[in-house]
Structure formats: structure tokens, C-alpha cells
């Protein structure tokens, strides 16, 4: 599950960095893919990507709460949802 989550993160992370692009293929090559889209920068459609990220987060939360019977999974999912919402509020107040 951890390997799948890391791979999924890399696949979703690759197309959403403009000025802050990573070197995903290091140490093989030092090339950076600078996408026209940024997940946070409003100059590069960041305001839309934040919406997409919030929808993905809500869908993930609903999936976990509906599919996992364990109370611990629901508590952890709720905590992570609150942390993400708190970070979004912080970012809107101090970075926007």
C-alpha cells in the first residue's frame, strides 16, 4: 500500500509543478518537467487545481469512511481531513 501511494503521488505530482518542478528522474537525468499548470500558483491555474485537490480529498475521505469498518480508520481519515482543511485555510489567509 505504501509503494502504491508513493507511485500514485509521483504520477499526480509530475504534471502540476511549474516554477518548483522536481527532478523526478534523478540520478539518471537532471531534467525537470516544468508544467504549464501549478497546483498552488494562481499565475498557472493554481486556483483551479486547489479545487481539484479538495474534491479528491473529499472523495478519498468518503471512500475510506464508507469502505472501512474500523473506527480507527474513520478517526484517522477525519483527522487528516481536518488537517488538510486547516492547511487550506492557512494558505488562503497567508499566501493568497
PDB file of N, CA and C in Angstrom:
ATOM      1  N   UNK A   1       0.832  -1.200   0.000  1.00  0.00           N
ATOM      2  CA  UNK A   1       0.000   0.000   0.000  1.00  0.00           C
ATOM      3  C   UNK A   1       0.872   1.258   0.000  1.00  0.00           C
ATOM      4  N   UNK A   2       1.972   1.217   0.748  1.00  0.00           N
ATOM      5  CA  UNK A   2       2.857   2.373   0.791  1.00  0.00           C
ATOM      6  C   UNK A   2       3.499   2.623  -0.584  1.00  0.00           C
ATOM      7  N   UNK A   3       3.940   1.569  -1.232  1.00  0.00           N
ATOM      8  CA  UNK A   3       4.557   1.716  -2.558  1.00  0.00           C
ATOM      9  C   UNK A   3       3.559   2.247  -3.576  1.00  0.00           C
ATOM     10  N   UNK A   4       2.336   1.761  -3.509  1.00  0.00           N
ATOM     11  CA  UNK A   4       1.306   2.239  -4.424  1.00  0.00           C
ATOM     12  C   UNK A   4       1.011   3.716  -4.162  1.00  0.00           C
ATOM     13  N   UNK A   5       0.966   4.112  -2.901  1.00  0.00           N
ATOM     14  CA  UNK A   5       0.684   5.512  -2.594  1.00  0.00           C
ATOM     15  C   UNK A   5       1.812   6.420  -3.066  1.00  0.00           C
ATOM     16  N   UNK A   6       3.070   5.962  -2.944  1.00  0.00           N
ATOM     17  CA  UNK A   6       4.202   6.764  -3.417  1.00  0.00           C
ATOM     18  C   UNK A   6       4.154   6.883  -4.935  1.00  0.00           C
ATOM     19  N   UNK A   7       3.881   5.786  -5.630  1.00  0.00           N
ATOM     20  CA  UNK A   7       3.782   5.813  -7.086  1.00  0.00           C
ATOM     21  C   UNK A   7       2.634   6.720  -7.535  1.00  0.00           C
ATOM     22  N   UNK A   8       1.505   6.614  -6.880  1.00  0.00           N
ATOM     23  CA  UNK A   8       0.364   7.472  -7.214  1.00  0.00           C
ATOM     24  C   UNK A   8       0.701   8.940  -6.982  1.00  0.00           C
ATOM     25  N   UNK A   9       1.384   9.229  -5.884  1.00  0.00           N
ATOM     26  CA  UNK A   9       1.799  10.604  -5.615  1.00  0.00           C
ATOM     27  C   UNK A   9       2.717  11.119  -6.718  1.00  0.00           C
ATOM     28  N   UNK A  10       3.680  10.322  -7.120  1.00  0.00           N
ATOM     29  CA  UNK A  10       4.606  10.743  -8.185  1.00  0.00           C
ATOM     30  C   UNK A  10       3.872  10.990  -9.495  1.00  0.00           C
ATOM     31  N   UNK A  11       2.934  10.117  -9.829  1.00  0.00           N
ATOM     32  CA  UNK A  11       2.184  10.290 -11.067  1.00  0.00           C
ATOM     33  C   UNK A  11       1.307  11.542 -11.042  1.00  0.00           C
ATOM     34  N   UNK A  12       0.722  11.842  -9.895  1.00  0.00           N
ATOM     35  CA  UNK A  12      -0.126  13.030  -9.781  1.00  0.00           C
ATOM     36  C   UNK A  12       0.691  14.300  -9.575  1.00  0.00           C
ATOM     37  N   UNK A  13       1.883  14.166  -9.022  1.00  0.00           N
ATOM     38  CA  UNK A  13       2.750  15.307  -8.737  1.00  0.00           C
ATOM     39  C   UNK A  13       3.450  15.813 -10.000  1.00  0.00           C
ATOM     40  N   UNK A  14       3.764  14.912 -10.896  1.00  0.00           N
ATOM     41  CA  UNK A  14       4.539  15.240 -12.093  1.00  0.00           C
ATOM     42  C   UNK A  14       3.937  16.382 -12.919  1.00  0.00           C
ATOM     43  N   UNK A  15       2.636  16.368 -13.237  1.00  0.00           N
ATOM     44  CA  UNK A  15       2.108  17.404 -14.139  1.00  0.00           C
ATOM     45  C   UNK A  15       1.639  18.693 -13.463  1.00  0.00           C
ATOM     46  N   UNK A  16       1.922  18.906 -12.185  1.00  0.00           N
ATOM     47  CA  UNK A  16       1.373  20.089 -11.521  1.00  0.00           C
ATOM     48  C   UNK A  16       2.426  20.970 -10.844  1.00  0.00           C
ATOM     49  N   UNK A  17       3.608  21.025 -11.415  1.00  0.00           N
ATOM     50  CA  UNK A  17       4.662  21.912 -10.900  1.00  0.00           C
ATOM     51  C   UNK A  17       5.190  22.770 -12.042  1.00  0.00           C
ATOM     52  N   UNK A  18       5.178  24.071 -11.849  1.00  0.00           N
ATOM     53  CA  UNK A  18       5.725  24.961 -12.867  1.00  0.00           C
ATOM     54  C   UNK A  18       7.119  25.430 -12.464  1.00  0.00           C
ATOM     55  N   UNK A  19       7.193  26.468 -11.652  1.00  0.00           N
ATOM     56  CA  UNK A  19       8.493  27.008 -11.238  1.00  0.00           C
ATOM     57  C   UNK A  19       9.224  26.110 -10.240  1.00  0.00           C
ATOM     58  N   UNK A  20       8.476  25.304  -9.529  1.00  0.00           N
ATOM     59  CA  UNK A  20       9.065  24.470  -8.479  1.00  0.00           C
ATOM     60  C   UNK A  20       9.109  22.991  -8.881  1.00  0.00           C
ATOM     61  N   UNK A  21       9.362  22.740 -10.157  1.00  0.00           N
ATOM     62  CA  UNK A  21       9.380  21.374 -10.668  1.00  0.00           C
ATOM     63  C   UNK A  21      10.496  20.550 -10.025  1.00  0.00           C
ATOM     64  N   UNK A  22      10.204  19.283  -9.823  1.00  0.00           N
ATOM     65  CA  UNK A  22      11.171  18.359  -9.239  1.00  0.00           C
ATOM     66  C   UNK A  22      11.958  17.652 -10.336  1.00  0.00           C
ATOM     67  N   UNK A  23      13.066  17.081  -9.954  1.00  0.00           N
ATOM     68  CA  UNK A  23      13.837  16.222 -10.862  1.00  0.00           C
ATOM     69  C   UNK A  23      13.395  14.784 -10.597  1.00  0.00           C
ATOM     70  N   UNK A  24      12.316  14.388 -11.237  1.00  0.00           N
ATOM     71  CA  UNK A  24      11.722  13.080 -10.965  1.00  0.00           C
ATOM     72  C   UNK A  24      12.609  11.909 -11.377  1.00  0.00           C
ATOM     73  N   UNK A  25      13.506  12.110 -12.311  1.00  0.00           N
ATOM     74  CA  UNK A  25      14.305  11.004 -12.828  1.00  0.00           C
ATOM     75  C   UNK A  25      15.752  11.043 -12.344  1.00  0.00           C
ATOM     76  N   UNK A  26      16.006  11.811 -11.291  1.00  0.00           N
ATOM     77  CA  UNK A  26      17.330  11.875 -10.695  1.00  0.00           C
ATOM     78  C   UNK A  26      17.659  10.514 -10.084  1.00  0.00           C
ATOM     79  N   UNK A  27      18.789   9.980 -10.211  1.00  0.00           N
ATOM     80  CA  UNK A  27      20.078  10.436 -10.712  1.00  0.00           C
ATOM     81  C   UNK A  27      20.328  10.097 -12.182  1.00  0.00           C
ATOM     82  N   UNK A  28      19.332   9.571 -12.869  1.00  0.00           N
ATOM     83  CA  UNK A  28      19.544   9.197 -14.270  1.00  0.00           C
ATOM     84  C   UNK A  28      19.763  10.437 -15.130  1.00  0.00           C
ATOM     85  N   UNK A  29      18.845  11.401 -15.021  1.00  0.00           N
ATOM     86  CA  UNK A  29      18.997  12.673 -15.728  1.00  0.00           C
ATOM     87  C   UNK A  29      18.580  13.811 -14.791  1.00  0.00           C
ATOM     88  N   UNK A  30      19.062  14.999 -15.073  1.00  0.00           N
ATOM     89  CA  UNK A  30      18.761  16.170 -14.246  1.00  0.00           C
ATOM     90  C   UNK A  30      17.636  17.023 -14.823  1.00  0.00           C
ATOM     91  N   UNK A  31      16.933  16.519 -15.796  1.00  0.00           N
ATOM     92  CA  UNK A  31      15.870  17.246 -16.476  1.00  0.00           C
ATOM     93  C   UNK A  31      14.675  17.470 -15.546  1.00  0.00           C
ATOM     94  N   UNK A  32      14.046  18.638 -15.695  1.00  0.00           N
ATOM     95  CA  UNK A  32      12.829  18.966 -14.941  1.00  0.00           C
ATOM     96  C   UNK A  32      11.702  19.215 -15.937  1.00  0.00           C
ATOM     97  N   UNK A  33      10.555  18.649 -15.668  1.00  0.00           N
ATOM     98  CA  UNK A  33       9.374  18.938 -16.476  1.00  0.00           C
ATOM     99  C   UNK A  33       8.664  20.125 -15.842  1.00  0.00           C
ATOM    100  N   UNK A  34       8.711  21.272 -16.499  1.00  0.00           N
ATOM    101  CA  UNK A  34       8.032  22.468 -15.990  1.00  0.00           C
ATOM    102  C   UNK A  34       6.673  22.559 -16.665  1.00  0.00           C
ATOM    103  N   UNK A  35       5.680  22.145 -15.950  1.00  0.00           N
ATOM    104  CA  UNK A  35       4.318  22.082 -16.459  1.00  0.00           C
ATOM    105  C   UNK A  35       3.725  23.482 -16.618  1.00  0.00           C
ATOM    106  N   UNK A  36       2.794  23.658 -17.541  1.00  0.00           N
ATOM    107  CA  UNK A  36       2.089  24.937 -17.627  1.00  0.00           C
ATOM    108  C   UNK A  36       1.101  25.123 -16.479  1.00  0.00           C
ATOM    109  N   UNK A  37       0.892  24.072 -15.690  1.00  0.00           N
ATOM    110  CA  UNK A  37      -0.062  24.089 -14.582  1.00  0.00           C
ATOM    111  C   UNK A  37       0.695  23.953 -13.266  1.00  0.00           C
ATOM    112  N   UNK A  38       0.265  24.729 -12.278  1.00  0.00           N
ATOM    113  CA  UNK A  38       0.813  24.614 -10.939  1.00  0.00           C
ATOM    114  C   UNK A  38      -0.321  24.298  -9.974  1.00  0.00           C
ATOM    115  N   UNK A  39      -0.042  23.458  -8.992  1.00  0.00           N
ATOM    116  CA  UNK A  39      -1.104  23.113  -8.042  1.00  0.00           C
ATOM    117  C   UNK A  39      -1.362  24.213  -7.025  1.00  0.00           C
ATOM    118  N   UNK A  40      -0.494  25.231  -6.962  1.00  0.00           N
ATOM    119  CA  UNK A  40      -0.693  26.281  -5.965  1.00  0.00           C
ATOM    120  C   UNK A  40      -0.597  27.692  -6.532  1.00  0.00           C
ATOM    121  N   UNK A  41       0.115  27.908  -7.606  1.00  0.00           N
ATOM    122  CA  UNK A  41       0.379  29.250  -8.123  1.00  0.00           C
ATOM    123  C   UNK A  41      -0.780  29.748  -8.991  1.00  0.00           C
ATOM    124  N   UNK A  42      -1.474  30.810  -8.580  1.00  0.00           N
ATOM    125  CA  UNK A  42      -2.607  31.305  -9.365  1.00  0.00           C
ATOM    126  C   UNK A  42      -2.204  31.809 -10.756  1.00  0.00           C
ATOM    127  N   UNK A  43      -0.929  32.138 -10.957  1.00  0.00           N
ATOM    128  CA  UNK A  43      -0.484  32.555 -12.296  1.00  0.00           C
ATOM    129  C   UNK A  43      -0.473  31.388 -13.274  1.00  0.00           C
ATOM    130  N   UNK A  44      -0.559  30.191 -12.736  1.00  0.00           N
ATOM    131  CA  UNK A  44      -0.532  28.988 -13.565  1.00  0.00           C
ATOM    132  C   UNK A  44      -1.696  28.066 -13.201  1.00  0.00           C
ATOM    133  N   UNK A  45      -2.883  28.644 -13.056  1.00  0.00           N
ATOM    134  CA  UNK A  45      -4.137  27.923 -12.827  1.00  0.00           C
ATOM    135  C   UNK A  45      -4.212  27.238 -11.460  1.00  0.00           C
ATOM    136  N   UNK A  46      -3.473  27.748 -10.495  1.00  0.00           N
ATOM    137  CA  UNK A  46      -3.479  27.154  -9.162  1.00  0.00           C
ATOM    138  C   UNK A  46      -4.826  27.198  -8.485  1.00  0.00           C
ATOM    139  N   UNK A  47      -5.613  28.246  -8.748  1.00  0.00           N
ATOM    140  CA  UNK A  47      -6.921  28.350  -8.098  1.00  0.00           C
ATOM    141  C   UNK A  47      -7.847  27.208  -8.530  1.00  0.00           C
ATOM    142  N   UNK A  48      -7.653  26.671  -9.733  1.00  0.00           N
ATOM    143  CA  UNK A  48      -8.466  25.545 -10.187  1.00  0.00           C
ATOM    144  C   UNK A  48      -7.936  24.225  -9.628  1.00  0.00           C
ATOM    145  N   UNK A  49      -6.626  24.126  -9.527  1.00  0.00           N
ATOM    146  CA  UNK A  49      -6.029  22.898  -9.021  1.00  0.00           C
ATOM    147  C   UNK A  49      -6.341  22.697  -7.532  1.00  0.00           C
ATOM    148  N   UNK A  50      -6.461  23.787  -6.787  1.00  0.00           N
ATOM    149  CA  UNK A  50      -6.846  23.668  -5.379  1.00  0.00           C
ATOM    150  C   UNK A  50      -8.242  23.058  -5.277  1.00  0.00           C
ATOM    151  N   UNK A  51      -9.134  23.473  -6.158  1.00  0.00           N
ATOM    152  CA  UNK A  51     -10.482  22.910  -6.177  1.00  0.00           C
ATOM    153  C   UNK A  51     -10.431  21.412  -6.491  1.00  0.00           C
ATOM    154  N   UNK A  52      -9.638  21.035  -7.489  1.00  0.00           N
ATOM    155  CA  UNK A  52      -9.492  19.617  -7.845  1.00  0.00           C
ATOM    156  C   UNK A  52      -8.921  18.829  -6.666  1.00  0.00           C
ATOM    157  N   UNK A  53      -7.928  19.401  -5.987  1.00  0.00           N
ATOM    158  CA  UNK A  53      -7.327  18.734  -4.833  1.00  0.00           C
ATOM    159  C   UNK A  53      -8.346  18.545  -3.716  1.00  0.00           C
ATOM    160  N   UNK A  54      -9.169  19.556  -3.474  1.00  0.00           N
ATOM    161  CA  UNK A  54     -10.186  19.451  -2.423  1.00  0.00           C
ATOM    162  C   UNK A  54     -11.231  18.391  -2.771  1.00  0.00           C
ATOM    163  N   UNK A  55     -11.617  18.311  -4.039  1.00  0.00           N
ATOM    164  CA  UNK A  55     -12.579  17.289  -4.456  1.00  0.00           C
ATOM    165  C   UNK A  55     -11.972  15.900  -4.266  1.00  0.00           C
ATOM    166  N   UNK A  56     -10.706  15.734  -4.674  1.00  0.00           N
ATOM    167  CA  UNK A  56     -10.037  14.439  -4.500  1.00  0.00           C
ATOM    168  C   UNK A  56      -9.949  14.061  -3.024  1.00  0.00           C
ATOM    169  N   UNK A  57      -9.677  15.044  -2.183  1.00  0.00           N
ATOM    170  CA  UNK A  57      -9.586  14.797  -0.754  1.00  0.00           C
ATOM    171  C   UNK A  57     -10.952  14.379  -0.189  1.00  0.00           C
ATOM    172  N   UNK A  58     -12.011  15.044  -0.606  1.00  0.00           N
ATOM    173  CA  UNK A  58     -13.349  14.703  -0.115  1.00  0.00           C
ATOM    174  C   UNK A  58     -13.776  13.314  -0.586  1.00  0.00           C
ATOM    175  N   UNK A  59     -13.496  13.000  -1.843  1.00  0.00           N
ATOM    176  CA  UNK A  59     -13.840  11.674  -2.368  1.00  0.00           C
ATOM    177  C   UNK A  59     -13.064  10.591  -1.629  1.00  0.00           C
ATOM    178  N   UNK A  60     -11.794  10.833  -1.370  1.00  0.00           N
ATOM    179  CA  UNK A  60     -10.977   9.865  -0.630  1.00  0.00           C
ATOM    180  C   UNK A  60     -11.521   9.661   0.782  1.00  0.00           C
ATOM    181  N   UNK A  61     -11.894  10.750   1.422  1.00  0.00           N
ATOM    182  CA  UNK A  61     -12.451  10.671   2.775  1.00  0.00           C
ATOM    183  C   UNK A  61     -13.745   9.855   2.781  1.00  0.00           C
ATOM    184  N   UNK A  62     -14.631  10.146   1.849  1.00  0.00           N
ATOM    185  CA  UNK A  62     -15.906   9.414   1.766  1.00  0.00           C
ATOM    186  C   UNK A  62     -15.655   7.933   1.492  1.00  0.00           C
ATOM    187  N   UNK A  63     -14.713   7.648   0.591  1.00  0.00           N
ATOM    188  CA  UNK A  63     -14.379   6.257   0.273  1.00  0.00           C
ATOM    189  C   UNK A  63     -13.895   5.518   1.514  1.00  0.00           C
ATOM    190  N   UNK A  64     -12.988   6.133   2.270  1.00  0.00           N
ATOM    191  CA  UNK A  64     -12.446   5.481   3.464  1.00  0.00           C
ATOM    192  C   UNK A  64     -13.541   5.266   4.511  1.00  0.00           C
ATOM    193  N   UNK A  65     -14.351   6.288   4.741  1.00  0.00           N
ATOM    194  CA  UNK A  65     -15.393   6.190   5.769  1.00  0.00           C
ATOM    195  C   UNK A  65     -16.444   5.146   5.391  1.00  0.00           C
ATOM    196  N   UNK A  66     -16.773   5.055   4.109  1.00  0.00           N
ATOM    197  CA  UNK A  66     -17.797   4.095   3.681  1.00  0.00           C
ATOM    198  C   UNK A  66     -17.265   2.668   3.565  1.00  0.00           C
ATOM    199  N   UNK A  67     -16.012   2.498   3.186  1.00  0.00           N
ATOM    200  CA  UNK A  67     -15.484   1.165   2.909  1.00  0.00           C
ATOM    201  C   UNK A  67     -14.758   0.507   4.080  1.00  0.00           C
ATOM    202  N   UNK A  68     -14.297   1.300   5.020  1.00  0.00           N
ATOM    203  CA  UNK A  68     -13.532   0.731   6.133  1.00  0.00           C
ATOM    204  C   UNK A  68     -14.409   0.651   7.379  1.00  0.00           C
ATOM    205  N   UNK A  69     -14.633  -0.539   7.906  1.00  0.00           N
ATOM    206  CA  UNK A  69     -15.499  -0.664   9.083  1.00  0.00           C
ATOM    207  C   UNK A  69     -14.805  -0.263  10.394  1.00  0.00           C
ATOM    208  N   UNK A  70     -13.478  -0.230  10.395  1.00  0.00           N
ATOM    209  CA  UNK A  70     -12.768   0.044  11.640  1.00  0.00           C
ATOM    210  C   UNK A  70     -12.954   1.492  12.077  1.00  0.00           C
ATOM    211  N   UNK A  71     -13.199   1.667  13.360  1.00  0.00           N
ATOM    212  CA  UNK A  71     -13.370   3.011  13.910  1.00  0.00           C
ATOM    213  C   UNK A  71     -12.066   3.797  13.811  1.00  0.00           C
ATOM    214  N   UNK A  72     -10.922   3.126  13.970  1.00  0.00           N
ATOM    215  CA  UNK A  72      -9.620   3.791  13.904  1.00  0.00           C
ATOM    216  C   UNK A  72      -9.390   4.420  12.536  1.00  0.00           C
ATOM    217  N   UNK A  73      -9.754   3.705  11.469  1.00  0.00           N
ATOM    218  CA  UNK A  73      -9.589   4.244  10.113  1.00  0.00           C
ATOM    219  C   UNK A  73     -10.428   5.500   9.920  1.00  0.00           C
ATOM    220  N   UNK A  74     -11.618   5.492  10.458  1.00  0.00           N
ATOM    221  CA  UNK A  74     -12.502   6.661  10.334  1.00  0.00           C
ATOM    222  C   UNK A  74     -11.956   7.846  11.129  1.00  0.00           C
ATOM    223  N   UNK A  75     -11.404   7.572  12.295  1.00  0.00           N
ATOM    224  CA  UNK A  75     -10.826   8.648  13.111  1.00  0.00           C
ATOM    225  C   UNK A  75      -9.608   9.254  12.407  1.00  0.00           C
ATOM    226  N   UNK A  76      -8.728   8.388  11.902  1.00  0.00           N
ATOM    227  CA  UNK A  76      -7.536   8.879  11.198  1.00  0.00           C
ATOM    228  C   UNK A  76      -7.928   9.669   9.954  1.00  0.00           C
ATOM    229  N   UNK A  77      -8.896   9.172   9.188  1.00  0.00           N
ATOM    230  CA  UNK A  77      -9.358   9.888   7.997  1.00  0.00           C
ATOM    231  C   UNK A  77      -9.945  11.243   8.382  1.00  0.00           C
ATOM    232  N   UNK A  78     -10.692  11.294   9.467  1.00  0.00           N
ATOM    233  CA  UNK A  78     -11.267  12.569   9.920  1.00  0.00           C
ATOM    234  C   UNK A  78     -10.190  13.556  10.340  1.00  0.00           C
ATOM    235  N   UNK A  79      -9.183  13.066  11.048  1.00  0.00           N
ATOM    236  CA  UNK A  79      -8.076  13.937  11.467  1.00  0.00           C
ATOM    237  C   UNK A  79      -7.335  14.482  10.247  1.00  0.00           C
ATOM    238  N   UNK A  80      -7.043  13.602   9.291  1.00  0.00           N
ATOM    239  CA  UNK A  80      -6.343  14.045   8.071  1.00  0.00           C
ATOM    240  C   UNK A  80      -7.177  15.053   7.284  1.00  0.00           C
ATOM    241  N   UNK A  81      -8.482  14.842   7.221  1.00  0.00           N
ATOM    242  CA  UNK A  81      -9.351  15.795   6.538  1.00  0.00           C
ATOM    243  C   UNK A  81      -9.307  17.152   7.228  1.00  0.00           C
ATOM    244  N   UNK A  82      -9.356  17.163   8.555  1.00  0.00           N
ATOM    245  CA  UNK A  82      -9.307  18.434   9.292  1.00  0.00           C
ATOM    246  C   UNK A  82      -7.959  19.130   9.123  1.00  0.00           C
ATOM    247  N   UNK A  83      -6.875  18.364   9.115  1.00  0.00           N
ATOM    248  CA  UNK A  83      -5.550  18.949   8.905  1.00  0.00           C
ATOM    249  C   UNK A  83      -5.465  19.580   7.519  1.00  0.00           C
ATOM    250  N   UNK A  84      -5.963  18.888   6.506  1.00  0.00           N
ATOM    251  CA  UNK A  84      -5.934  19.439   5.148  1.00  0.00           C
ATOM    252  C   UNK A  84      -6.795  20.683   5.021  1.00  0.00           C
ATOM    253  N   UNK A  85      -7.958  20.680   5.631  1.00  0.00           N
ATOM    254  CA  UNK A  85      -8.815  21.870   5.594  1.00  0.00           C
ATOM    255  C   UNK A  85      -8.145  23.017   6.343  1.00  0.00           C
ATOM    256  N   UNK A  86      -7.526  22.724   7.479  1.00  0.00           N
ATOM    257  CA  UNK A  86      -6.803  23.751   8.230  1.00  0.00           C
ATOM    258  C   UNK A  86      -5.654  24.333   7.428  1.00  0.00           C
ATOM    259  N   UNK A  87      -4.918  23.475   6.727  1.00  0.00           N
ATOM    260  CA  UNK A  87      -3.821  23.970   5.895  1.00  0.00           C
ATOM    261  C   UNK A  87      -4.347  24.827   4.754  1.00  0.00           C
ATOM    262  N   UNK A  88      -5.474  24.437   4.163  1.00  0.00           N
ATOM    263  CA  UNK A  88      -6.069  25.230   3.088  1.00  0.00           C
ATOM    264  C   UNK A  88      -6.461  26.615   3.605  1.00  0.00           C
ATOM    265  N   UNK A  89      -7.064  26.677   4.785  1.00  0.00           N
ATOM    266  CA  UNK A  89      -7.446  27.966   5.373  1.00  0.00           C
ATOM    267  C   UNK A  89      -6.202  28.805   5.655  1.00  0.00           C
ATOM    268  N   UNK A  90      -5.163  28.186   6.220  1.00  0.00           N
ATOM    269  CA  UNK A  90      -3.909  28.882   6.470  1.00  0.00           C
ATOM    270  C   UNK A  90      -3.329  29.442   5.179  1.00  0.00           C
ATOM    271  N   UNK A  91      -3.304  28.611   4.133  1.00  0.00           N
ATOM    272  CA  UNK A  91      -2.726  29.052   2.855  1.00  0.00           C
ATOM    273  C   UNK A  91      -3.534  30.207   2.263  1.00  0.00           C
ATOM    274  N   UNK A  92      -4.844  30.148   2.357  1.00  0.00           N
ATOM    275  CA  UNK A  92      -5.679  31.240   1.820  1.00  0.00           C
ATOM    276  C   UNK A  92      -5.453  32.542   2.585  1.00  0.00           C
ATOM    277  N   UNK A  93      -5.266  32.434   3.897  1.00  0.00           N
ATOM    278  CA  UNK A  93      -5.085  33.642   4.706  1.00  0.00           C
ATOM    279  C   UNK A  93      -3.711  34.273   4.536  1.00  0.00           C
ATOM    280  N   UNK A  94      -2.679  33.446   4.422  1.00  0.00           N
ATOM    281  CA  UNK A  94      -1.317  33.984   4.454  1.00  0.00           C
ATOM    282  C   UNK A  94      -0.591  33.986   3.112  1.00  0.00           C
ATOM    283  N   UNK A  95      -1.036  33.172   2.150  1.00  0.00           N
ATOM    284  CA  UNK A  95      -0.338  33.118   0.876  1.00  0.00           C
ATOM    285  C   UNK A  95      -1.118  33.756  -0.256  1.00  0.00           C
ATOM    286  N   UNK A  96      -2.405  33.919  -0.110  1.00  0.00           N
ATOM    287  CA  UNK A  96      -3.221  34.460  -1.209  1.00  0.00           C
ATOM    288  C   UNK A  96      -3.278  35.976  -1.173  1.00  0.00           C
TER     289      UNK A  96
END
